[in-house]
Amino acid sequence: MLPNVNELRQRLMDLDATIAHHEGIVEGLKQDRDIVFSQLSASVSYPILMLPNEITAEIFNWCYVSGLRLAPSTAPMLLTRICHAWRELAFSIPALWHKIDEVELTDPVDDADFIATWFSRAGALPLSLGMIYPEHLESHHLQSLLHCHAQRWQSLDVAAHVDTLLELDNSKPFPGLVELSLASLGQHEQDLSQVEAFRHTPSLRRLSIDSLPPSLLDLPWTQLTKTTFRFISIAECLSFLRLATSLSEFYRTGIPEDEEGDVESVIGRAPFCHDSLDSLLVSVSSGAESILHFLTVPRLKTLELQGGWETCTQLDTGRLAVPFFSQTCSTLLSLKFPMPPSLPVHWFQLLPNLTTLELVYPAEPLSVVGAIRALNRGTTPDLLPKLRGLVISRCGSNRVDKDLLEVLESRCDAGDVQHGRLESFSLFWPQSEIFDDGVFRLPLLNVGRLRRLAARGMRIHIGTSTQNSFY
């Protein structure tokens, strides 16, 4: 028989009263817990909170990692979420707020307010901004953002459609702008007018452009000292080099799709001589012409060739390497290129003053024993007599094998005045290389020989480019 209605109502009231009683107990326990927690926080001292603000501020500065897209999980925003003291300290450090490496703009008004608030904490420091500006946003919003801080820009990195850049005017100068990076999003038509927004930049020294021909830019070319071009044709590069008379560093990476047709327009011309260049980086692909065919660099000190190990074969087949190295034999000090199955010894015979050699380990399986053995002073005593630094980069192994050890040992001591000693050796792993146990360790079989080399004065670095695991 079911209970009657009155009994059920009474039972419900009793349960509600019991719940209320226990909720009161729980609330009291929460209050007691908060009191105990406050007392504990007051009595326990965290060592890092005892540091002087000046030291903590310096630690905060080192927490900043350049090149990351703006996010709450990265410094400096992360530092403001730890505790009240750190939040106040982080907001008071101008060096944390004078740059935004990368932000993608979505709402012009909100984004402008956010950027203004961010830079308001930078004090009087010069400002740096990297941004991606979508094609659907109107150009006047970008112009307003650039002009708002025109007097304080030190570095700008703008990725936008070329039509957006063309619509910007040059009504305001950027007196402190030292570094400018421009990238074109999407295709552009031929015979366009020039981008004039950055014409008045008296301090500009470094320029980086991606898929945006320099002929479309109105810039003070003679001021530039360093440029990085990505997917820019050889003809455009050569025209630019004739204008950039003060340039000391020129980097060209990426081969445009229409490179073959572009090269036809410059074939037959005499090589252009650039007197001020001392550092050159060039991408070379199999079957494509190289800008080295059209360039003479009598003062070159540093050369980097990018591409597969076929690069060496390509340069030799085109009879380019020997003439090019012949004209830089007395000046070239540093050379970096992909490691081939066998070293082009005839290159090195033309470079008696080379002091640093970096060989980039091939991504594909390839025997490099022959390349390593060629550096052994016991078999080729006069090869690279002044070599002081040897680097093998992007090597996905922590093994320093027998042939490489013999090369290092053969060059550890100076033979005579003409044959110097190898002062440093570096084996760089790829930054993404992860070993099974998550810890980089040296092989036990040859660590003793490496330590003996270190005891004889050789500086040894084995690990990533930022972390030395040699012990």
Protein backbone atom coordinates (compact mmCIF):
# COMPACT_ATOMS: atom_id res chain seq x y z
CA MET A 1 0.00 0.00 0.00
CA LEU A 2 1.42 3.40 -1.01
CA PRO A 3 1.92 6.13 1.64
CA ASN A 4 -0.71 8.81 1.62
CA VAL A 5 -0.08 12.30 0.36
CA ASN A 6 0.55 13.84 3.79
CA GLU A 7 3.21 11.27 4.63
CA LEU A 8 5.00 11.91 1.33
CA ARG A 9 4.95 15.66 1.90
CA GLN A 10 6.35 15.21 5.39
CA ARG A 11 9.09 12.93 4.08
CA LEU A 12 10.02 15.51 1.44
CA MET A 13 10.22 18.26 4.06
CA ASP A 14 12.47 16.10 6.23
CA LEU A 15 14.82 15.44 3.30
CA ASP A 16 14.97 19.15 2.44
CA ALA A 17 15.81 19.96 6.04
CA THR A 18 18.57 17.32 6.08
CA ILE A 19 20.02 18.66 2.82
CA ALA A 20 19.95 22.23 4.15
CA HIS A 21 21.68 21.10 7.32
CA HIS A 22 24.48 19.38 5.42
CA GLU A 23 24.82 22.27 2.99
CA GLY A 24 25.33 24.53 5.98
CA ILE A 25 28.05 22.20 7.25
CA VAL A 26 29.73 22.16 3.79
CA GLU A 27 29.59 25.95 3.59
CA GLY A 28 31.18 26.22 7.00
CA LEU A 29 33.91 23.80 5.96
CA LYS A 30 34.60 25.86 2.84
CA GLN A 31 34.98 28.99 4.94
CA ASP A 32 37.33 27.18 7.32
CA ARG A 33 39.34 25.91 4.34
CA ASP A 34 39.68 29.41 2.91
CA ILE A 35 40.91 30.70 6.26
CA VAL A 36 43.47 27.90 6.58
CA PHE A 37 44.61 28.43 2.98
CA SER A 38 45.10 32.15 3.60
CA GLN A 39 47.07 31.40 6.75
CA LEU A 40 49.18 28.84 4.89
CA SER A 41 49.88 31.25 2.03
CA ALA A 42 50.95 33.90 4.51
CA SER A 43 53.26 31.53 6.40
CA VAL A 44 54.83 29.67 3.43
CA SER A 45 57.40 31.60 1.39
CA TYR A 46 58.00 30.60 -2.23
CA PRO A 47 61.68 31.25 -3.02
CA ILE A 48 60.97 32.74 -6.45
CA LEU A 49 58.62 35.31 -4.90
CA MET A 50 61.43 36.42 -2.60
CA LEU A 51 63.61 37.53 -5.52
CA PRO A 52 64.05 41.27 -6.05
CA ASN A 53 61.79 42.60 -8.78
CA GLU A 54 64.82 43.53 -10.89
CA ILE A 55 65.95 39.90 -11.05
CA THR A 56 62.44 38.57 -11.68
CA ALA A 57 62.02 41.14 -14.45
CA GLU A 58 65.22 39.91 -16.10
CA ILE A 59 63.93 36.31 -15.89
CA PHE A 60 60.69 37.46 -17.50
CA ASN A 61 62.63 38.99 -20.37
CA TRP A 62 64.35 35.65 -21.00
CA CYS A 63 60.96 33.89 -21.04
CA TYR A 64 60.04 35.74 -24.22
CA VAL A 65 60.42 33.53 -27.31
CA SER A 66 60.60 35.39 -30.61
CA GLY A 67 58.69 34.27 -33.68
CA LEU A 68 55.61 32.83 -32.00
CA ARG A 69 52.06 33.81 -32.90
CA LEU A 70 50.40 35.83 -30.17
CA ALA A 71 48.54 33.49 -27.76
CA PRO A 72 47.48 33.40 -24.07
CA SER A 73 49.76 30.38 -23.55
CA THR A 74 52.96 32.23 -24.43
CA ALA A 75 54.93 35.01 -22.77
CA PRO A 76 54.26 37.74 -21.93
CA MET A 77 50.52 37.01 -21.62
CA LEU A 78 51.16 33.78 -19.73
CA LEU A 79 53.19 35.65 -17.10
CA THR A 80 50.19 37.84 -16.26
CA ARG A 81 48.09 34.79 -15.33
CA ILE A 82 50.27 33.24 -12.61
CA CYS A 83 49.55 35.48 -9.64
CA HIS A 84 48.71 39.09 -8.80
CA ALA A 85 52.32 40.02 -8.05
CA TRP A 86 53.61 38.62 -11.32
CA ARG A 87 50.77 40.25 -13.24
CA GLU A 88 51.64 43.68 -11.88
CA LEU A 89 55.35 43.13 -12.48
CA ALA A 90 54.86 41.88 -16.05
CA PHE A 91 52.72 44.90 -16.92
CA SER A 92 55.45 47.20 -15.60
CA ILE A 93 58.24 45.84 -17.87
CA PRO A 94 58.30 47.79 -21.17
CA ALA A 95 60.63 45.27 -22.84
CA LEU A 96 57.84 42.65 -22.74
CA TRP A 97 55.39 44.84 -24.63
CA HIS A 98 57.32 46.64 -27.35
CA LYS A 99 56.83 43.92 -29.98
CA ILE A 100 54.18 41.60 -31.38
CA ASP A 101 55.79 38.95 -33.57
CA GLU A 102 52.69 37.71 -35.38
CA VAL A 103 49.01 38.49 -35.12
CA GLU A 104 46.27 37.82 -37.68
CA LEU A 105 43.86 40.73 -37.88
CA THR A 106 40.15 39.88 -38.03
CA ASP A 107 38.23 42.89 -36.69
CA PRO A 108 39.86 46.24 -37.56
CA VAL A 109 38.42 48.20 -34.63
CA ASP A 110 38.96 45.59 -31.91
CA ASP A 111 42.41 44.68 -33.25
CA ALA A 112 43.50 48.33 -33.31
CA ASP A 113 42.34 48.80 -29.71
CA PHE A 114 44.14 45.64 -28.61
CA ILE A 115 47.40 46.65 -30.31
CA ALA A 116 47.17 50.17 -28.85
CA THR A 117 46.65 48.75 -25.35
CA TRP A 118 49.56 46.35 -25.79
CA PHE A 119 51.99 49.03 -26.94
CA SER A 120 50.82 51.46 -24.24
CA ARG A 121 52.84 49.35 -21.78
CA ALA A 122 56.03 49.67 -23.86
CA GLY A 123 57.05 53.01 -22.43
CA ALA A 124 59.26 54.91 -24.87
CA LEU A 125 60.79 51.83 -26.54
CA PRO A 126 60.74 51.46 -30.35
CA LEU A 127 57.93 49.22 -31.58
CA SER A 128 57.87 46.06 -33.72
CA LEU A 129 54.79 44.46 -35.25
CA GLY A 130 54.22 41.40 -37.41
CA MET A 131 50.74 40.97 -38.87
CA ILE A 132 48.71 39.07 -41.42
CA TYR A 133 46.17 41.36 -43.09
CA PRO A 134 43.38 39.42 -44.88
CA GLU A 135 42.29 40.52 -48.33
CA HIS A 136 38.66 41.18 -47.32
CA LEU A 137 39.65 43.99 -44.92
CA GLU A 138 39.76 47.49 -46.37
CA SER A 139 43.17 49.09 -46.80
CA HIS A 140 42.39 52.25 -44.83
CA HIS A 141 42.30 50.22 -41.60
CA LEU A 142 45.85 49.02 -42.27
CA GLN A 143 46.97 52.54 -43.11
CA SER A 144 45.44 53.90 -39.90
CA LEU A 145 47.26 51.24 -37.87
CA LEU A 146 50.60 51.99 -39.54
CA HIS A 147 50.25 55.75 -39.21
CA CYS A 148 49.15 55.58 -35.56
CA HIS A 149 52.68 54.62 -34.46
CA ALA A 150 54.60 55.95 -37.48
CA GLN A 151 57.19 57.77 -35.36
CA ARG A 152 58.01 54.70 -33.25
CA TRP A 153 58.15 51.78 -35.66
CA GLN A 154 61.50 50.00 -35.66
CA SER A 155 60.40 46.80 -37.39
CA LEU A 156 57.34 45.97 -39.50
CA ASP A 157 56.34 42.61 -40.98
CA VAL A 158 53.22 42.87 -43.15
CA ALA A 159 51.63 40.02 -45.10
CA ALA A 160 48.83 41.40 -47.28
CA HIS A 161 47.45 41.26 -50.80
CA VAL A 162 49.46 43.43 -53.18
CA ASP A 163 46.33 45.46 -54.04
CA THR A 164 46.02 46.39 -50.37
CA LEU A 165 49.64 47.54 -50.26
CA LEU A 166 49.20 49.58 -53.44
CA GLU A 167 46.31 51.51 -51.90
CA LEU A 168 48.43 52.77 -48.98
CA ASP A 169 49.68 56.33 -49.34
CA ASN A 170 53.04 57.81 -48.38
CA SER A 171 51.67 60.77 -46.44
CA LYS A 172 53.55 59.86 -43.26
CA PRO A 173 57.26 59.06 -42.89
CA PHE A 174 58.62 56.25 -40.74
CA PRO A 175 61.79 57.88 -39.40
CA GLY A 176 62.88 55.05 -37.09
CA LEU A 177 62.00 52.05 -39.27
CA VAL A 178 65.11 49.86 -39.58
CA GLU A 179 63.65 46.54 -40.73
CA LEU A 180 60.78 45.94 -43.18
CA SER A 181 59.28 42.62 -44.28
CA LEU A 182 56.58 42.46 -46.95
CA ALA A 183 54.81 39.34 -48.23
CA SER A 184 52.25 39.18 -51.01
CA LEU A 185 49.16 37.08 -50.31
CA GLY A 186 47.80 35.85 -53.62
CA GLN A 187 48.72 36.53 -57.23
CA HIS A 188 49.42 39.97 -58.66
CA GLU A 189 49.05 41.36 -62.16
CA GLN A 190 51.87 42.59 -64.35
CA ASP A 191 52.57 46.30 -64.95
CA LEU A 192 51.18 47.45 -61.62
CA SER A 193 52.02 50.78 -60.07
CA GLN A 194 54.49 50.90 -57.18
CA VAL A 195 53.91 50.48 -53.45
CA GLU A 196 54.86 53.93 -52.12
CA ALA A 197 53.83 53.64 -48.47
CA PHE A 198 57.41 53.10 -47.26
CA ARG A 199 59.17 55.61 -49.48
CA HIS A 200 60.13 57.90 -46.59
CA THR A 201 62.19 55.54 -44.40
CA PRO A 202 65.57 57.22 -43.81
CA SER A 203 66.73 54.58 -41.28
CA LEU A 204 65.76 51.50 -43.33
CA ARG A 205 68.62 48.99 -43.53
CA ARG A 206 67.09 45.49 -43.70
CA LEU A 207 64.46 44.32 -46.18
CA SER A 208 62.70 40.98 -46.61
CA ILE A 209 60.20 40.37 -49.43
CA ASP A 210 58.23 37.23 -50.26
CA SER A 211 56.61 36.79 -53.70
CA LEU A 212 56.61 40.56 -54.19
CA PRO A 213 58.95 41.81 -56.96
CA PRO A 214 61.19 44.66 -55.82
CA SER A 215 60.28 46.55 -59.00
CA LEU A 216 56.84 47.09 -57.41
CA LEU A 217 58.39 48.87 -54.41
CA ASP A 218 59.48 52.47 -54.06
CA LEU A 219 62.21 52.29 -51.42
CA PRO A 220 65.56 53.96 -50.63
CA TRP A 221 67.56 51.11 -52.17
CA THR A 222 71.01 52.60 -51.63
CA GLN A 223 70.54 52.53 -47.83
CA LEU A 224 69.97 48.79 -47.57
CA THR A 225 72.64 46.58 -46.03
CA LYS A 226 70.79 43.24 -45.77
CA THR A 227 68.01 41.67 -47.86
CA THR A 228 66.18 38.36 -47.90
CA PHE A 229 64.21 37.50 -51.06
CA ARG A 230 61.85 34.53 -51.34
CA PHE A 231 60.46 33.45 -54.71
CA ILE A 232 61.92 36.46 -56.52
CA SER A 233 63.15 35.97 -60.10
CA ILE A 234 66.80 36.22 -61.11
CA ALA A 235 66.08 39.22 -63.35
CA GLU A 236 64.40 41.07 -60.48
CA CYS A 237 67.28 40.18 -58.14
CA LEU A 238 69.91 41.47 -60.56
CA SER A 239 68.00 44.71 -61.16
CA PHE A 240 67.76 45.19 -57.40
CA LEU A 241 71.46 44.48 -56.82
CA ARG A 242 72.41 47.22 -59.27
CA LEU A 243 70.49 49.71 -57.11
CA ALA A 244 71.52 48.42 -53.65
CA THR A 245 75.09 49.68 -53.76
CA SER A 246 75.62 49.49 -49.97
CA LEU A 247 74.36 45.92 -49.60
CA SER A 248 76.56 43.54 -47.58
CA GLU A 249 74.21 40.54 -47.11
CA PHE A 250 71.95 39.06 -49.79
CA TYR A 251 69.85 35.93 -49.26
CA ARG A 252 67.74 34.40 -52.03
CA THR A 253 65.60 31.35 -51.28
CA GLY A 254 62.84 29.67 -53.24
CA ILE A 255 62.66 29.32 -57.02
CA PRO A 256 59.69 31.01 -58.79
CA GLU A 257 57.57 28.82 -61.06
CA ASP A 258 58.36 31.00 -64.09
CA GLU A 259 62.11 31.00 -63.43
CA GLU A 260 63.04 29.40 -66.77
CA GLY A 261 61.35 32.10 -68.84
CA ASP A 262 62.80 34.79 -66.63
CA VAL A 263 66.36 33.52 -67.05
CA GLU A 264 66.11 33.81 -70.83
CA SER A 265 65.83 37.58 -70.43
CA VAL A 266 69.25 37.82 -68.75
CA ILE A 267 71.23 35.09 -70.54
CA GLY A 268 74.06 36.59 -72.53
CA ARG A 269 74.61 39.53 -70.23
CA ALA A 270 78.01 40.02 -68.66
CA PRO A 271 78.10 39.05 -64.95
CA PHE A 272 77.24 41.94 -62.67
CA CYS A 273 79.97 42.86 -60.17
CA HIS A 274 78.81 43.84 -56.69
CA ASP A 275 81.68 45.33 -54.70
CA SER A 276 80.13 45.51 -51.22
CA LEU A 277 78.55 42.05 -50.80
CA ASP A 278 80.32 39.92 -48.20
CA SER A 279 77.57 37.39 -47.35
CA LEU A 280 75.50 35.42 -49.86
CA LEU A 281 72.85 32.70 -49.49
CA VAL A 282 71.46 31.10 -52.64
CA SER A 283 68.93 28.34 -53.27
CA VAL A 284 69.92 26.04 -56.11
CA SER A 285 67.64 23.39 -57.57
CA SER A 286 68.50 20.66 -60.03
CA GLY A 287 67.87 21.75 -63.60
CA ALA A 288 67.56 25.46 -62.80
CA GLU A 289 69.99 28.25 -63.50
CA SER A 290 71.66 29.87 -60.51
CA ILE A 291 72.07 33.56 -59.88
CA LEU A 292 75.77 32.75 -59.41
CA HIS A 293 75.97 32.53 -63.21
CA PHE A 294 75.28 36.25 -63.44
CA LEU A 295 77.07 37.60 -60.38
CA THR A 296 80.65 38.47 -59.49
CA VAL A 297 81.38 39.10 -55.81
CA PRO A 298 85.04 40.02 -55.28
CA ARG A 299 84.72 40.65 -51.51
CA LEU A 300 82.60 37.65 -50.56
CA LYS A 301 83.38 36.20 -47.12
CA THR A 302 80.39 33.92 -46.41
CA LEU A 303 78.54 31.67 -48.86
CA GLU A 304 75.64 29.29 -48.20
CA LEU A 305 74.17 27.02 -50.88
CA GLN A 306 70.75 25.53 -50.18
CA GLY A 307 69.11 22.57 -51.89
CA GLY A 308 69.70 18.84 -52.20
CA TRP A 309 73.17 17.32 -52.51
CA GLU A 310 72.51 17.39 -56.26
CA THR A 311 73.40 21.09 -55.90
CA CYS A 312 77.08 20.22 -56.12
CA THR A 313 76.58 18.13 -59.26
CA GLN A 314 74.45 20.87 -60.80
CA LEU A 315 77.09 23.54 -60.17
CA ASP A 316 79.88 21.34 -61.52
CA THR A 317 77.93 20.26 -64.59
CA GLY A 318 77.30 23.89 -65.45
CA ARG A 319 81.00 24.64 -65.00
CA LEU A 320 80.04 27.32 -62.53
CA ALA A 321 81.63 26.34 -59.23
CA VAL A 322 85.28 26.53 -60.25
CA PRO A 323 85.05 29.97 -61.93
CA PHE A 324 82.96 31.35 -59.07
CA PHE A 325 85.30 30.08 -56.36
CA SER A 326 88.30 31.24 -58.36
CA GLN A 327 87.15 34.85 -58.12
CA THR A 328 86.53 34.57 -54.34
CA CYS A 329 89.54 32.40 -53.44
CA SER A 330 91.32 35.08 -51.42
CA THR A 331 88.27 36.39 -49.53
CA LEU A 332 85.91 33.46 -48.82
CA LEU A 333 86.15 32.44 -45.16
CA SER A 334 82.93 30.49 -44.50
CA LEU A 335 81.12 27.95 -46.70
CA LYS A 336 77.93 25.98 -46.03
CA PHE A 337 76.39 23.50 -48.47
CA PRO A 338 74.59 20.10 -48.62
CA MET A 339 76.88 17.13 -47.97
CA PRO A 340 77.35 15.06 -51.16
CA PRO A 341 78.51 11.40 -51.35
CA SER A 342 82.02 12.70 -52.03
CA LEU A 343 83.40 16.15 -51.36
CA PRO A 344 84.24 18.32 -54.38
CA VAL A 345 87.90 18.51 -53.39
CA HIS A 346 88.68 20.68 -56.42
CA TRP A 347 86.43 23.37 -54.88
CA PHE A 348 88.44 23.44 -51.69
CA GLN A 349 91.74 23.58 -53.52
CA LEU A 350 90.62 27.04 -54.65
CA LEU A 351 89.81 28.19 -51.10
CA PRO A 352 93.05 28.14 -49.09
CA ASN A 353 91.80 30.80 -46.66
CA LEU A 354 88.54 29.04 -45.70
CA THR A 355 88.22 28.97 -41.90
CA THR A 356 84.69 27.57 -41.37
CA LEU A 357 83.02 24.70 -43.22
CA GLU A 358 79.45 23.56 -42.53
CA LEU A 359 78.11 20.43 -44.20
CA VAL A 360 74.33 19.91 -44.09
CA TYR A 361 73.49 16.25 -43.60
CA PRO A 362 71.25 14.88 -46.39
CA ALA A 363 67.65 14.09 -45.56
CA GLU A 364 67.66 10.98 -47.76
CA PRO A 365 69.71 7.88 -46.86
CA LEU A 366 73.18 8.48 -48.24
CA SER A 367 76.68 7.26 -47.48
CA VAL A 368 78.84 10.22 -46.52
CA VAL A 369 81.96 8.28 -45.52
CA GLY A 370 83.80 9.45 -48.63
CA ALA A 371 82.98 13.07 -47.88
CA ILE A 372 84.25 12.75 -44.31
CA ARG A 373 87.47 10.95 -45.22
CA ALA A 374 88.42 13.67 -47.70
CA LEU A 375 88.94 16.05 -44.77
CA ASN A 376 91.52 13.81 -43.08
CA ARG A 377 94.80 15.73 -42.98
CA GLY A 378 96.69 12.46 -43.02
CA THR A 379 95.53 11.72 -46.59
CA THR A 380 95.08 15.28 -47.91
CA PRO A 381 97.50 17.43 -45.86
CA ASP A 382 97.11 20.61 -47.92
CA LEU A 383 93.30 20.62 -48.16
CA LEU A 384 91.77 23.61 -46.31
CA PRO A 385 94.97 24.37 -44.37
CA LYS A 386 93.42 27.22 -42.35
CA LEU A 387 90.19 25.44 -41.35
CA ARG A 388 89.37 26.32 -37.72
CA GLY A 389 85.71 25.33 -37.45
CA LEU A 390 83.89 22.24 -38.76
CA VAL A 391 80.10 21.93 -38.47
CA ILE A 392 77.87 19.03 -39.49
CA SER A 393 74.25 20.14 -39.20
CA ARG A 394 70.84 18.46 -39.40
CA CYS A 395 72.41 15.14 -38.47
CA GLY A 396 69.72 12.85 -37.05
CA SER A 397 72.17 10.79 -35.01
CA ASN A 398 74.26 11.33 -31.90
CA ARG A 399 76.95 8.98 -33.21
CA VAL A 400 80.39 10.40 -33.95
CA ASP A 401 81.83 7.54 -35.99
CA LYS A 402 85.40 6.37 -36.46
CA ASP A 403 86.07 8.21 -39.74
CA LEU A 404 84.91 11.53 -38.34
CA LEU A 405 86.96 11.06 -35.17
CA GLU A 406 90.06 10.42 -37.25
CA VAL A 407 89.43 13.66 -39.16
CA LEU A 408 89.14 15.62 -35.90
CA GLU A 409 92.27 14.00 -34.46
CA SER A 410 94.27 14.67 -37.62
CA ARG A 411 93.45 18.39 -37.42
CA CYS A 412 93.64 18.90 -33.66
CA ASP A 413 97.26 20.07 -33.67
CA ALA A 414 98.84 22.72 -35.87
CA GLY A 415 101.39 21.27 -38.28
CA ASP A 416 103.22 24.50 -39.13
CA VAL A 417 102.53 28.14 -39.93
CA GLN A 418 100.63 27.22 -43.10
CA HIS A 419 98.58 24.44 -41.48
CA GLY A 420 96.46 25.65 -38.56
CA ARG A 421 94.60 23.56 -35.97
CA LEU A 422 90.89 22.80 -35.89
CA GLU A 423 89.61 24.81 -32.94
CA SER A 424 85.95 23.75 -32.86
CA PHE A 425 83.66 20.93 -33.95
CA SER A 426 79.85 21.01 -33.87
CA LEU A 427 77.37 18.24 -34.62
CA PHE A 428 73.91 19.80 -34.75
CA TRP A 429 70.82 17.62 -34.49
CA PRO A 430 67.56 18.76 -36.08
CA GLN A 431 65.50 20.83 -33.64
CA SER A 432 62.62 18.36 -34.04
CA GLU A 433 64.72 15.28 -33.33
CA ILE A 434 63.29 13.39 -30.33
CA PHE A 435 65.06 10.39 -28.86
CA ASP A 436 63.13 7.53 -27.31
CA ASP A 437 63.88 8.45 -23.70
CA GLY A 438 63.48 12.18 -24.34
CA VAL A 439 67.08 12.82 -23.25
CA PHE A 440 70.04 13.51 -25.52
CA ARG A 441 72.99 11.29 -24.61
CA LEU A 442 76.41 10.70 -26.08
CA PRO A 443 77.50 7.27 -27.35
CA LEU A 444 79.67 5.58 -24.75
CA LEU A 445 81.95 3.96 -27.33
CA ASN A 446 83.74 7.12 -28.43
CA VAL A 447 83.05 9.70 -25.75
CA GLY A 448 86.54 9.07 -24.36
CA ARG A 449 88.21 10.10 -27.62
CA LEU A 450 86.03 13.21 -27.79
CA ARG A 451 87.02 14.16 -24.25
CA ARG A 452 90.67 13.76 -25.12
CA LEU A 453 90.16 16.14 -28.04
CA ALA A 454 88.48 18.61 -25.70
CA ALA A 455 91.40 18.28 -23.28
CA ARG A 456 93.72 19.25 -26.12
CA GLY A 457 91.78 22.49 -26.57
CA MET A 458 89.09 21.68 -29.13
CA ARG A 459 85.66 23.20 -28.44
CA ILE A 460 83.02 20.51 -29.00
CA HIS A 461 79.26 21.01 -29.35
CA ILE A 462 77.01 17.99 -29.86
CA GLY A 463 73.26 18.53 -29.68
CA THR A 464 70.78 21.05 -31.01
CA SER A 465 72.06 24.45 -32.04
CA THR A 466 70.85 25.86 -28.71
CA GLN A 467 71.68 22.96 -26.38
CA ASN A 468 75.10 21.36 -26.01
CA SER A 469 74.85 17.79 -24.72
CA PHE A 470 78.59 17.16 -24.69
CA TYR A 471 79.80 16.56 -21.14
